Amino acid sequence: PLMLVMLVLVTAYTVFKKDWGQQPKERTLSTVKKIAFVGAFAAIGF
């Protein structure tokens, strides 16, 4: 059930944000955001 909800949210966000991901945008991430992303990637690995 969690996977289904997450996929619906990911898809909806992508559909409604039409220009998202069309061009690369170099972003400088704070240390807190870097840690959050690493944690999210590890969670997806799990």
All heavy atoms as atom14 arrays in JSON, in Angstrom:
{
  "sequence": "PLMLVMLVLVTAYTVFKKDWGQQPKERTLSTVKKIAFVGAFAAIGF",
  "atom14_mask": [
    [1, 1, 1, 1, 1, 1, 1, 0, 0, 0, 0, 0, 0, 0],
    [1, 1, 1, 1, 1, 1, 1, 1, 0, 0, 0, 0, 0, 0],
    [1, 1, 1, 1, 1, 1, 1, 1, 0, 0, 0, 0, 0, 0],
    [1, 1, 1, 1, 1, 1, 1, 1, 0, 0, 0, 0, 0, 0],
    [1, 1, 1, 1, 1, 1, 1, 0, 0, 0, 0, 0, 0, 0],
    [1, 1, 1, 1, 1, 1, 1, 1, 0, 0, 0, 0, 0, 0],
    [1, 1, 1, 1, 1, 1, 1, 1, 0, 0, 0, 0, 0, 0],
    [1, 1, 1, 1, 1, 1, 1, 0, 0, 0, 0, 0, 0, 0],
    [1, 1, 1, 1, 1, 1, 1, 1, 0, 0, 0, 0, 0, 0],
    [1, 1, 1, 1, 1, 1, 1, 0, 0, 0, 0, 0, 0, 0],
    [1, 1, 1, 1, 1, 1, 1, 0, 0, 0, 0, 0, 0, 0],
    [1, 1, 1, 1, 1, 0, 0, 0, 0, 0, 0, 0, 0, 0],
    [1, 1, 1, 1, 1, 1, 1, 1, 1, 1, 1, 1, 0, 0],
    [1, 1, 1, 1, 1, 1, 1, 0, 0, 0, 0, 0, 0, 0],
    [1, 1, 1, 1, 1, 1, 1, 0, 0, 0, 0, 0, 0, 0],
    [1, 1, 1, 1, 1, 1, 1, 1, 1, 1, 1, 0, 0, 0],
    [1, 1, 1, 1, 1, 1, 1, 1, 1, 0, 0, 0, 0, 0],
    [1, 1, 1, 1, 1, 1, 1, 1, 1, 0, 0, 0, 0, 0],
    [1, 1, 1, 1, 1, 1, 1, 1, 0, 0, 0, 0, 0, 0],
    [1, 1, 1, 1, 1, 1, 1, 1, 1, 1, 1, 1, 1, 1],
    [1, 1, 1, 1, 0, 0, 0, 0, 0, 0, 0, 0, 0, 0],
    [1, 1, 1, 1, 1, 1, 1, 1, 1, 0, 0, 0, 0, 0],
    [1, 1, 1, 1, 1, 1, 1, 1, 1, 0, 0, 0, 0, 0],
    [1, 1, 1, 1, 1, 1, 1, 0, 0, 0, 0, 0, 0, 0],
    [1, 1, 1, 1, 1, 1, 1, 1, 1, 0, 0, 0, 0, 0],
    [1, 1, 1, 1, 1, 1, 1, 1, 1, 0, 0, 0, 0, 0],
    [1, 1, 1, 1, 1, 1, 1, 1, 1, 1, 1, 0, 0, 0],
    [1, 1, 1, 1, 1, 1, 1, 0, 0, 0, 0, 0, 0, 0],
    [1, 1, 1, 1, 1, 1, 1, 1, 0, 0, 0, 0, 0, 0],
    [1, 1, 1, 1, 1, 1, 0, 0, 0, 0, 0, 0, 0, 0],
    [1, 1, 1, 1, 1, 1, 1, 0, 0, 0, 0, 0, 0, 0],
    [1, 1, 1, 1, 1, 1, 1, 0, 0, 0, 0, 0, 0, 0],
    [1, 1, 1, 1, 1, 1, 1, 1, 1, 0, 0, 0, 0, 0],
    [1, 1, 1, 1, 1, 1, 1, 1, 1, 0, 0, 0, 0, 0],
    [1, 1, 1, 1, 1, 1, 1, 1, 0, 0, 0, 0, 0, 0],
    [1, 1, 1, 1, 1, 0, 0, 0, 0, 0, 0, 0, 0, 0],
    [1, 1, 1, 1, 1, 1, 1, 1, 1, 1, 1, 0, 0, 0],
    [1, 1, 1, 1, 1, 1, 1, 0, 0, 0, 0, 0, 0, 0],
    [1, 1, 1, 1, 0, 0, 0, 0, 0, 0, 0, 0, 0, 0],
    [1, 1, 1, 1, 1, 0, 0, 0, 0, 0, 0, 0, 0, 0],
    [1, 1, 1, 1, 1, 1, 1, 1, 1, 1, 1, 0, 0, 0],
    [1, 1, 1, 1, 1, 0, 0, 0, 0, 0, 0, 0, 0, 0],
    [1, 1, 1, 1, 1, 0, 0, 0, 0, 0, 0, 0, 0, 0],
    [1, 1, 1, 1, 1, 1, 1, 1, 0, 0, 0, 0, 0, 0],
    [1, 1, 1, 1, 0, 0, 0, 0, 0, 0, 0, 0, 0, 0],
    [1, 1, 1, 1, 1, 1, 1, 1, 1, 1, 1, 0, 0, 0]
  ],
  "atom14_positions": [
    [[0.82, -1.22, 0.0], [0.0, 0.0, 0.0], [0.85, 1.27, 0.0], [0.54, 2.23, -0.71], [-0.82, -0.1, 1.29], [-0.72, -1.51, 1.73], [0.53, -2.07, 1.15], [0.0, 0.0, 0.0], [0.0, 0.0, 0.0], [0.0, 0.0, 0.0], [0.0, 0.0, 0.0], [0.0, 0.0, 0.0], [0.0, 0.0, 0.0], [0.0, 0.0, 0.0]],
    [[1.93, 1.27, 0.77], [2.81, 2.45, 0.8], [3.44, 2.69, -0.56], [3.53, 3.82, -1.04], [3.89, 2.26, 1.87], [4.92, 3.39, 1.97], [4.25, 4.71, 2.35], [6.0, 3.03, 2.98], [0.0, 0.0, 0.0], [0.0, 0.0, 0.0], [0.0, 0.0, 0.0], [0.0, 0.0, 0.0], [0.0, 0.0, 0.0], [0.0, 0.0, 0.0]],
    [[3.89, 1.62, -1.21], [4.5, 1.74, -2.53], [3.52, 2.35, -3.53], [3.87, 3.22, -4.31], [4.98, 0.37, -3.01], [5.61, 0.34, -4.37], [4.53, -0.12, -5.75], [3.85, -1.64, -5.24], [0.0, 0.0, 0.0], [0.0, 0.0, 0.0], [0.0, 0.0, 0.0], [0.0, 0.0, 0.0], [0.0, 0.0, 0.0], [0.0, 0.0, 0.0]],
    [[2.27, 1.9, -3.49], [1.26, 2.43, -4.4], [1.03, 3.92, -4.18], [0.99, 4.7, -5.15], [-0.06, 1.67, -4.24], [-0.07, 0.27, -4.84], [-1.31, -0.5, -4.4], [0.01, 0.34, -6.35], [0.0, 0.0, 0.0], [0.0, 0.0, 0.0], [0.0, 0.0, 0.0], [0.0, 0.0, 0.0], [0.0, 0.0, 0.0], [0.0, 0.0, 0.0]],
    [[0.93, 4.34, -2.95], [0.73, 5.76, -2.64], [1.93, 6.58, -3.12], [1.77, 7.63, -3.76], [0.49, 5.97, -1.12], [0.55, 7.45, -0.75], [-0.83, 5.36, -0.7], [0.0, 0.0, 0.0], [0.0, 0.0, 0.0], [0.0, 0.0, 0.0], [0.0, 0.0, 0.0], [0.0, 0.0, 0.0], [0.0, 0.0, 0.0], [0.0, 0.0, 0.0]],
    [[3.14, 6.1, -2.84], [4.35, 6.81, -3.25], [4.44, 6.93, -4.78], [4.78, 7.99, -5.3], [5.59, 6.1, -2.71], [5.7, 6.11, -1.2], [6.02, 7.73, -0.54], [7.66, 8.02, -1.14], [0.0, 0.0, 0.0], [0.0, 0.0, 0.0], [0.0, 0.0, 0.0], [0.0, 0.0, 0.0], [0.0, 0.0, 0.0], [0.0, 0.0, 0.0]],
    [[4.11, 5.86, -5.49], [4.16, 5.92, -6.96], [3.13, 6.9, -7.51], [3.42, 7.63, -8.47], [3.94, 4.53, -7.56], [5.14, 3.6, -7.53], [4.75, 2.21, -8.0], [6.29, 4.14, -8.37], [0.0, 0.0, 0.0], [0.0, 0.0, 0.0], [0.0, 0.0, 0.0], [0.0, 0.0, 0.0], [0.0, 0.0, 0.0], [0.0, 0.0, 0.0]],
    [[1.95, 6.94, -6.93], [0.92, 7.9, -7.38], [1.42, 9.32, -7.15], [1.28, 10.19, -8.04], [-0.42, 7.64, -6.65], [-1.39, 8.79, -6.88], [-1.03, 6.32, -7.13], [0.0, 0.0, 0.0], [0.0, 0.0, 0.0], [0.0, 0.0, 0.0], [0.0, 0.0, 0.0], [0.0, 0.0, 0.0], [0.0, 0.0, 0.0], [0.0, 0.0, 0.0]],
    [[2.02, 9.6, -5.99], [2.52, 10.95, -5.71], [3.65, 11.34, -6.66], [3.68, 12.47, -7.18], [2.99, 11.04, -4.25], [1.9, 10.93, -3.19], [2.52, 10.88, -1.79], [0.91, 12.08, -3.3], [0.0, 0.0, 0.0], [0.0, 0.0, 0.0], [0.0, 0.0, 0.0], [0.0, 0.0, 0.0], [0.0, 0.0, 0.0], [0.0, 0.0, 0.0]],
    [[4.58, 10.43, -6.9], [5.69, 10.69, -7.82], [5.16, 10.98, -9.22], [5.58, 11.94, -9.87], [6.67, 9.48, -7.84], [7.6, 9.52, -9.03], [7.46, 9.41, -6.54], [0.0, 0.0, 0.0], [0.0, 0.0, 0.0], [0.0, 0.0, 0.0], [0.0, 0.0, 0.0], [0.0, 0.0, 0.0], [0.0, 0.0, 0.0], [0.0, 0.0, 0.0]],
    [[4.22, 10.18, -9.68], [3.66, 10.36, -11.02], [2.89, 11.67, -11.12], [3.06, 12.43, -12.09], [2.73, 9.18, -11.39], [3.49, 7.97, -11.23], [2.24, 9.29, -12.81], [0.0, 0.0, 0.0], [0.0, 0.0, 0.0], [0.0, 0.0, 0.0], [0.0, 0.0, 0.0], [0.0, 0.0, 0.0], [0.0, 0.0, 0.0], [0.0, 0.0, 0.0]],
    [[2.06, 11.97, -10.14], [1.27, 13.2, -10.16], [2.19, 14.42, -10.18], [1.98, 15.35, -10.98], [0.34, 13.26, -8.96], [0.0, 0.0, 0.0], [0.0, 0.0, 0.0], [0.0, 0.0, 0.0], [0.0, 0.0, 0.0], [0.0, 0.0, 0.0], [0.0, 0.0, 0.0], [0.0, 0.0, 0.0], [0.0, 0.0, 0.0], [0.0, 0.0, 0.0]],
    [[3.2, 14.41, -9.37], [4.14, 15.54, -9.33], [4.81, 15.72, -10.69], [4.91, 16.83, -11.2], [5.19, 15.32, -8.24], [6.05, 16.53, -7.99], [5.65, 17.51, -7.09], [7.27, 16.7, -8.64], [6.42, 18.63, -6.86], [8.05, 17.81, -8.42], [7.63, 18.79, -7.52], [8.4, 19.9, -7.3], [0.0, 0.0, 0.0], [0.0, 0.0, 0.0]],
    [[5.23, 14.63, -11.29], [5.9, 14.69, -12.58], [4.96, 15.16, -13.68], [5.35, 15.95, -14.55], [6.48, 13.3, -12.94], [7.31, 12.88, -11.86], [7.29, 13.35, -14.21], [0.0, 0.0, 0.0], [0.0, 0.0, 0.0], [0.0, 0.0, 0.0], [0.0, 0.0, 0.0], [0.0, 0.0, 0.0], [0.0, 0.0, 0.0], [0.0, 0.0, 0.0]],
    [[3.71, 14.72, -13.67], [2.74, 15.11, -14.7], [2.43, 16.6, -14.59], [2.39, 17.31, -15.6], [1.45, 14.27, -14.58], [0.31, 14.87, -15.39], [1.72, 12.84, -15.03], [0.0, 0.0, 0.0], [0.0, 0.0, 0.0], [0.0, 0.0, 0.0], [0.0, 0.0, 0.0], [0.0, 0.0, 0.0], [0.0, 0.0, 0.0], [0.0, 0.0, 0.0]],
    [[2.22, 17.09, -13.39], [1.79, 18.48, -13.23], [2.93, 19.49, -13.29], [2.71, 20.66, -13.54], [1.0, 18.65, -11.92], [-0.33, 17.96, -11.98], [-0.6, 16.87, -11.16], [-1.31, 18.36, -12.89], [-1.81, 16.21, -11.23], [-2.52, 17.7, -12.97], [-2.78, 16.64, -12.14], [0.0, 0.0, 0.0], [0.0, 0.0, 0.0], [0.0, 0.0, 0.0]],
    [[4.14, 19.07, -13.1], [5.3, 19.95, -13.2], [5.97, 19.67, -14.55], [6.97, 18.98, -14.64], [6.25, 19.7, -12.03], [7.28, 20.76, -11.87], [7.57, 20.99, -10.41], [8.8, 21.81, -10.22], [8.73, 23.18, -10.26], [0.0, 0.0, 0.0], [0.0, 0.0, 0.0], [0.0, 0.0, 0.0], [0.0, 0.0, 0.0], [0.0, 0.0, 0.0]],
    [[5.36, 20.23, -15.6], [5.71, 19.87, -16.98], [7.15, 20.16, -17.38], [7.74, 19.42, -18.16], [4.75, 20.56, -17.94], [3.32, 20.09, -17.73], [2.46, 20.41, -18.91], [1.03, 20.02, -18.7], [0.78, 18.66, -18.4], [0.0, 0.0, 0.0], [0.0, 0.0, 0.0], [0.0, 0.0, 0.0], [0.0, 0.0, 0.0], [0.0, 0.0, 0.0]],
    [[7.74, 21.22, -16.88], [9.11, 21.55, -17.29], [10.17, 20.9, -16.41], [11.36, 21.0, -16.67], [9.31, 23.07, -17.27], [9.18, 23.67, -15.88], [8.54, 23.05, -15.01], [9.72, 24.77, -15.67], [0.0, 0.0, 0.0], [0.0, 0.0, 0.0], [0.0, 0.0, 0.0], [0.0, 0.0, 0.0], [0.0, 0.0, 0.0], [0.0, 0.0, 0.0]],
    [[9.73, 20.16, -15.4], [10.65, 19.54, -14.46], [11.48, 18.47, -15.14], [10.96, 17.61, -15.83], [9.84, 18.95, -13.32], [10.63, 18.56, -12.12], [11.61, 19.3, -11.51], [10.52, 17.35, -11.37], [12.09, 18.62, -10.42], [11.45, 17.44, -10.31], [9.73, 16.23, -11.48], [11.6, 16.43, -9.38], [9.88, 15.23, -10.55], [10.8, 15.32, -9.51]],
    [[12.78, 18.56, -14.98], [13.67, 17.55, -15.53], [13.98, 17.7, -17.01], [14.6, 16.83, -17.6], [0.0, 0.0, 0.0], [0.0, 0.0, 0.0], [0.0, 0.0, 0.0], [0.0, 0.0, 0.0], [0.0, 0.0, 0.0], [0.0, 0.0, 0.0], [0.0, 0.0, 0.0], [0.0, 0.0, 0.0], [0.0, 0.0, 0.0], [0.0, 0.0, 0.0]],
    [[13.57, 18.82, -17.6], [13.85, 19.03, -19.02], [15.28, 19.53, -19.25], [15.89, 19.23, -20.25], [12.84, 20.02, -19.63], [11.41, 19.5, -19.61], [11.28, 18.15, -20.32], [11.69, 17.97, -21.45], [10.69, 17.19, -19.62], [0.0, 0.0, 0.0], [0.0, 0.0, 0.0], [0.0, 0.0, 0.0], [0.0, 0.0, 0.0], [0.0, 0.0, 0.0]],
    [[15.78, 20.3, -18.3], [17.15, 20.81, -18.36], [17.84, 20.51, -17.03], [17.22, 20.63, -15.98], [17.14, 22.34, -18.57], [16.53, 22.79, -19.88], [17.37, 22.37, -21.07], [18.61, 22.4, -21.02], [16.72, 21.96, -22.15], [0.0, 0.0, 0.0], [0.0, 0.0, 0.0], [0.0, 0.0, 0.0], [0.0, 0.0, 0.0], [0.0, 0.0, 0.0]],
    [[19.12, 20.18, -17.09], [19.82, 19.97, -15.82], [19.96, 21.32, -15.08], [20.14, 22.36, -15.72], [21.18, 19.42, -16.23], [21.35, 19.77, -17.66], [19.97, 19.94, -18.24], [0.0, 0.0, 0.0], [0.0, 0.0, 0.0], [0.0, 0.0, 0.0], [0.0, 0.0, 0.0], [0.0, 0.0, 0.0], [0.0, 0.0, 0.0], [0.0, 0.0, 0.0]],
    [[19.82, 21.28, -13.78], [19.97, 22.49, -12.96], [20.99, 22.18, -11.88], [20.7, 21.4, -10.97], [18.63, 22.88, -12.34], [17.61, 23.34, -13.37], [16.31, 23.72, -12.68], [15.34, 24.35, -13.62], [14.57, 23.46, -14.43], [0.0, 0.0, 0.0], [0.0, 0.0, 0.0], [0.0, 0.0, 0.0], [0.0, 0.0, 0.0], [0.0, 0.0, 0.0]],
    [[22.15, 22.77, -12.0], [23.18, 22.54, -11.0], [22.74, 23.17, -9.69], [22.42, 24.35, -9.62], [24.51, 23.16, -11.46], [25.71, 22.73, -10.66], [25.98, 21.24, -10.73], [25.84, 20.65, -11.79], [26.35, 20.66, -9.68], [0.0, 0.0, 0.0], [0.0, 0.0, 0.0], [0.0, 0.0, 0.0], [0.0, 0.0, 0.0], [0.0, 0.0, 0.0]],
    [[22.66, 22.36, -8.65], [22.21, 22.84, -7.35], [23.31, 22.61, -6.32], [23.94, 21.56, -6.3], [20.95, 22.1, -6.92], [19.79, 22.39, -7.82], [18.49, 22.01, -7.17], [17.42, 22.49, -8.03], [16.34, 21.81, -8.33], [16.18, 20.61, -7.84], [15.43, 22.32, -9.1], [0.0, 0.0, 0.0], [0.0, 0.0, 0.0], [0.0, 0.0, 0.0]],
    [[23.48, 23.61, -5.48], [24.38, 23.46, -4.35], [23.53, 23.06, -3.16], [22.61, 23.77, -2.78], [25.11, 24.79, -4.06], [25.77, 25.23, -5.26], [26.12, 24.61, -2.95], [0.0, 0.0, 0.0], [0.0, 0.0, 0.0], [0.0, 0.0, 0.0], [0.0, 0.0, 0.0], [0.0, 0.0, 0.0], [0.0, 0.0, 0.0], [0.0, 0.0, 0.0]],
    [[23.83, 21.91, -2.61], [23.05, 21.37, -1.5], [23.75, 21.65, -0.18], [24.96, 21.48, -0.06], [22.86, 19.86, -1.67], [22.14, 19.39, -2.93], [22.15, 17.87, -3.0], [20.71, 19.91, -2.97], [0.0, 0.0, 0.0], [0.0, 0.0, 0.0], [0.0, 0.0, 0.0], [0.0, 0.0, 0.0], [0.0, 0.0, 0.0], [0.0, 0.0, 0.0]],
    [[22.96, 22.06, 0.81], [23.51, 22.23, 2.15], [23.89, 20.87, 2.71], [23.45, 19.83, 2.2], [22.47, 22.91, 3.05], [21.39, 22.03, 3.28], [0.0, 0.0, 0.0], [0.0, 0.0, 0.0], [0.0, 0.0, 0.0], [0.0, 0.0, 0.0], [0.0, 0.0, 0.0], [0.0, 0.0, 0.0], [0.0, 0.0, 0.0], [0.0, 0.0, 0.0]],
    [[24.64, 20.87, 3.77], [25.05, 19.61, 4.41], [23.83, 18.82, 4.87], [23.77, 17.6, 4.7], [25.99, 19.89, 5.6], [27.11, 20.63, 5.11], [26.46, 18.61, 6.26], [0.0, 0.0, 0.0], [0.0, 0.0, 0.0], [0.0, 0.0, 0.0], [0.0, 0.0, 0.0], [0.0, 0.0, 0.0], [0.0, 0.0, 0.0], [0.0, 0.0, 0.0]],
    [[22.85, 19.52, 5.42], [21.62, 18.85, 5.89], [20.89, 18.19, 4.72], [20.44, 17.04, 4.83], [20.7, 19.85, 6.62], [19.35, 19.24, 6.93], [21.37, 20.36, 7.89], [0.0, 0.0, 0.0], [0.0, 0.0, 0.0], [0.0, 0.0, 0.0], [0.0, 0.0, 0.0], [0.0, 0.0, 0.0], [0.0, 0.0, 0.0], [0.0, 0.0, 0.0]],
    [[20.79, 18.88, 3.58], [20.12, 18.31, 2.41], [20.9, 17.13, 1.85], [20.32, 16.14, 1.42], [19.89, 19.37, 1.33], [18.75, 20.31, 1.67], [18.46, 21.24, 0.53], [17.3, 22.15, 0.91], [17.0, 23.11, -0.15], [0.0, 0.0, 0.0], [0.0, 0.0, 0.0], [0.0, 0.0, 0.0], [0.0, 0.0, 0.0], [0.0, 0.0, 0.0]],
    [[22.23, 17.23, 1.86], [23.05, 16.11, 1.38], [22.82, 14.87, 2.24], [22.65, 13.77, 1.72], [24.54, 16.48, 1.42], [24.97, 17.42, 0.32], [26.44, 17.74, 0.43], [26.86, 18.76, -0.59], [28.26, 19.17, -0.44], [0.0, 0.0, 0.0], [0.0, 0.0, 0.0], [0.0, 0.0, 0.0], [0.0, 0.0, 0.0], [0.0, 0.0, 0.0]],
    [[22.78, 15.06, 3.54], [22.54, 13.94, 4.46], [21.14, 13.37, 4.23], [20.95, 12.15, 4.21], [22.74, 14.38, 5.93], [24.23, 14.68, 6.18], [22.23, 13.32, 6.9], [24.53, 15.37, 7.5], [0.0, 0.0, 0.0], [0.0, 0.0, 0.0], [0.0, 0.0, 0.0], [0.0, 0.0, 0.0], [0.0, 0.0, 0.0], [0.0, 0.0, 0.0]],
    [[20.16, 14.26, 4.03], [18.78, 13.81, 3.79], [18.7, 12.99, 2.49], [18.05, 11.94, 2.45], [17.83, 15.0, 3.73], [0.0, 0.0, 0.0], [0.0, 0.0, 0.0], [0.0, 0.0, 0.0], [0.0, 0.0, 0.0], [0.0, 0.0, 0.0], [0.0, 0.0, 0.0], [0.0, 0.0, 0.0], [0.0, 0.0, 0.0], [0.0, 0.0, 0.0]],
    [[19.36, 13.46, 1.43], [19.36, 12.73, 0.17], [20.06, 11.38, 0.31], [19.56, 10.37, -0.17], [19.99, 13.55, -0.96], [19.05, 14.48, -1.65], [19.23, 15.86, -1.6], [17.96, 14.0, -2.36], [18.36, 16.72, -2.24], [17.08, 14.85, -3.01], [17.28, 16.22, -2.94], [0.0, 0.0, 0.0], [0.0, 0.0, 0.0], [0.0, 0.0, 0.0]],
    [[21.19, 11.36, 0.97], [21.91, 10.09, 1.18], [21.03, 9.12, 1.96], [20.94, 7.93, 1.63], [23.27, 10.32, 1.88], [23.87, 9.02, 2.37], [24.24, 11.01, 0.92], [0.0, 0.0, 0.0], [0.0, 0.0, 0.0], [0.0, 0.0, 0.0], [0.0, 0.0, 0.0], [0.0, 0.0, 0.0], [0.0, 0.0, 0.0], [0.0, 0.0, 0.0]],
    [[20.36, 9.62, 2.99], [19.44, 8.78, 3.75], [18.3, 8.26, 2.9], [17.91, 7.09, 3.0], [0.0, 0.0, 0.0], [0.0, 0.0, 0.0], [0.0, 0.0, 0.0], [0.0, 0.0, 0.0], [0.0, 0.0, 0.0], [0.0, 0.0, 0.0], [0.0, 0.0, 0.0], [0.0, 0.0, 0.0], [0.0, 0.0, 0.0], [0.0, 0.0, 0.0]],
    [[17.77, 9.13, 2.02], [16.68, 8.72, 1.12], [17.17, 7.66, 0.13], [16.46, 6.68, -0.13], [16.11, 9.93, 0.39], [0.0, 0.0, 0.0], [0.0, 0.0, 0.0], [0.0, 0.0, 0.0], [0.0, 0.0, 0.0], [0.0, 0.0, 0.0], [0.0, 0.0, 0.0], [0.0, 0.0, 0.0], [0.0, 0.0, 0.0], [0.0, 0.0, 0.0]],
    [[18.38, 7.83, -0.4], [18.92, 6.84, -1.32], [19.15, 5.5, -0.6], [18.85, 4.44, -1.16], [20.23, 7.32, -1.96], [20.03, 8.29, -3.08], [20.48, 9.6, -3.0], [19.38, 7.89, -4.25], [20.3, 10.49, -4.03], [19.19, 8.79, -5.3], [19.65, 10.09, -5.19], [0.0, 0.0, 0.0], [0.0, 0.0, 0.0], [0.0, 0.0, 0.0]],
    [[19.65, 5.55, 0.63], [19.85, 4.31, 1.4], [18.5, 3.64, 1.68], [18.38, 2.41, 1.59], [20.58, 4.61, 2.71], [0.0, 0.0, 0.0], [0.0, 0.0, 0.0], [0.0, 0.0, 0.0], [0.0, 0.0, 0.0], [0.0, 0.0, 0.0], [0.0, 0.0, 0.0], [0.0, 0.0, 0.0], [0.0, 0.0, 0.0], [0.0, 0.0, 0.0]],
    [[17.47, 4.45, 1.97], [16.13, 3.91, 2.23], [15.56, 3.25, 0.97], [14.94, 2.18, 1.05], [15.2, 5.01, 2.72], [0.0, 0.0, 0.0], [0.0, 0.0, 0.0], [0.0, 0.0, 0.0], [0.0, 0.0, 0.0], [0.0, 0.0, 0.0], [0.0, 0.0, 0.0], [0.0, 0.0, 0.0], [0.0, 0.0, 0.0], [0.0, 0.0, 0.0]],
    [[15.79, 3.85, -0.18], [15.33, 3.24, -1.43], [16.12, 1.96, -1.7], [15.57, 0.97, -2.19], [15.42, 4.23, -2.61], [14.43, 5.38, -2.4], [15.14, 3.53, -3.94], [14.6, 6.52, -3.38], [0.0, 0.0, 0.0], [0.0, 0.0, 0.0], [0.0, 0.0, 0.0], [0.0, 0.0, 0.0], [0.0, 0.0, 0.0], [0.0, 0.0, 0.0]],
    [[17.41, 1.97, -1.38], [18.19, 0.73, -1.49], [17.61, -0.36, -0.61], [17.45, -1.5, -1.05], [0.0, 0.0, 0.0], [0.0, 0.0, 0.0], [0.0, 0.0, 0.0], [0.0, 0.0, 0.0], [0.0, 0.0, 0.0], [0.0, 0.0, 0.0], [0.0, 0.0, 0.0], [0.0, 0.0, 0.0], [0.0, 0.0, 0.0], [0.0, 0.0, 0.0]],
    [[17.26, -0.01, 0.64], [16.63, -0.98, 1.54], [15.33, -1.5, 0.91], [15.08, -2.7, 0.88], [16.33, -0.33, 2.9], [15.59, -1.23, 3.84], [16.29, -2.08, 4.69], [14.2, -1.26, 3.87], [15.61, -2.93, 5.55], [13.51, -2.11, 4.73], [14.22, -2.95, 5.57], [0.0, 0.0, 0.0], [0.0, 0.0, 0.0], [0.0, 0.0, 0.0]]
  ]
}
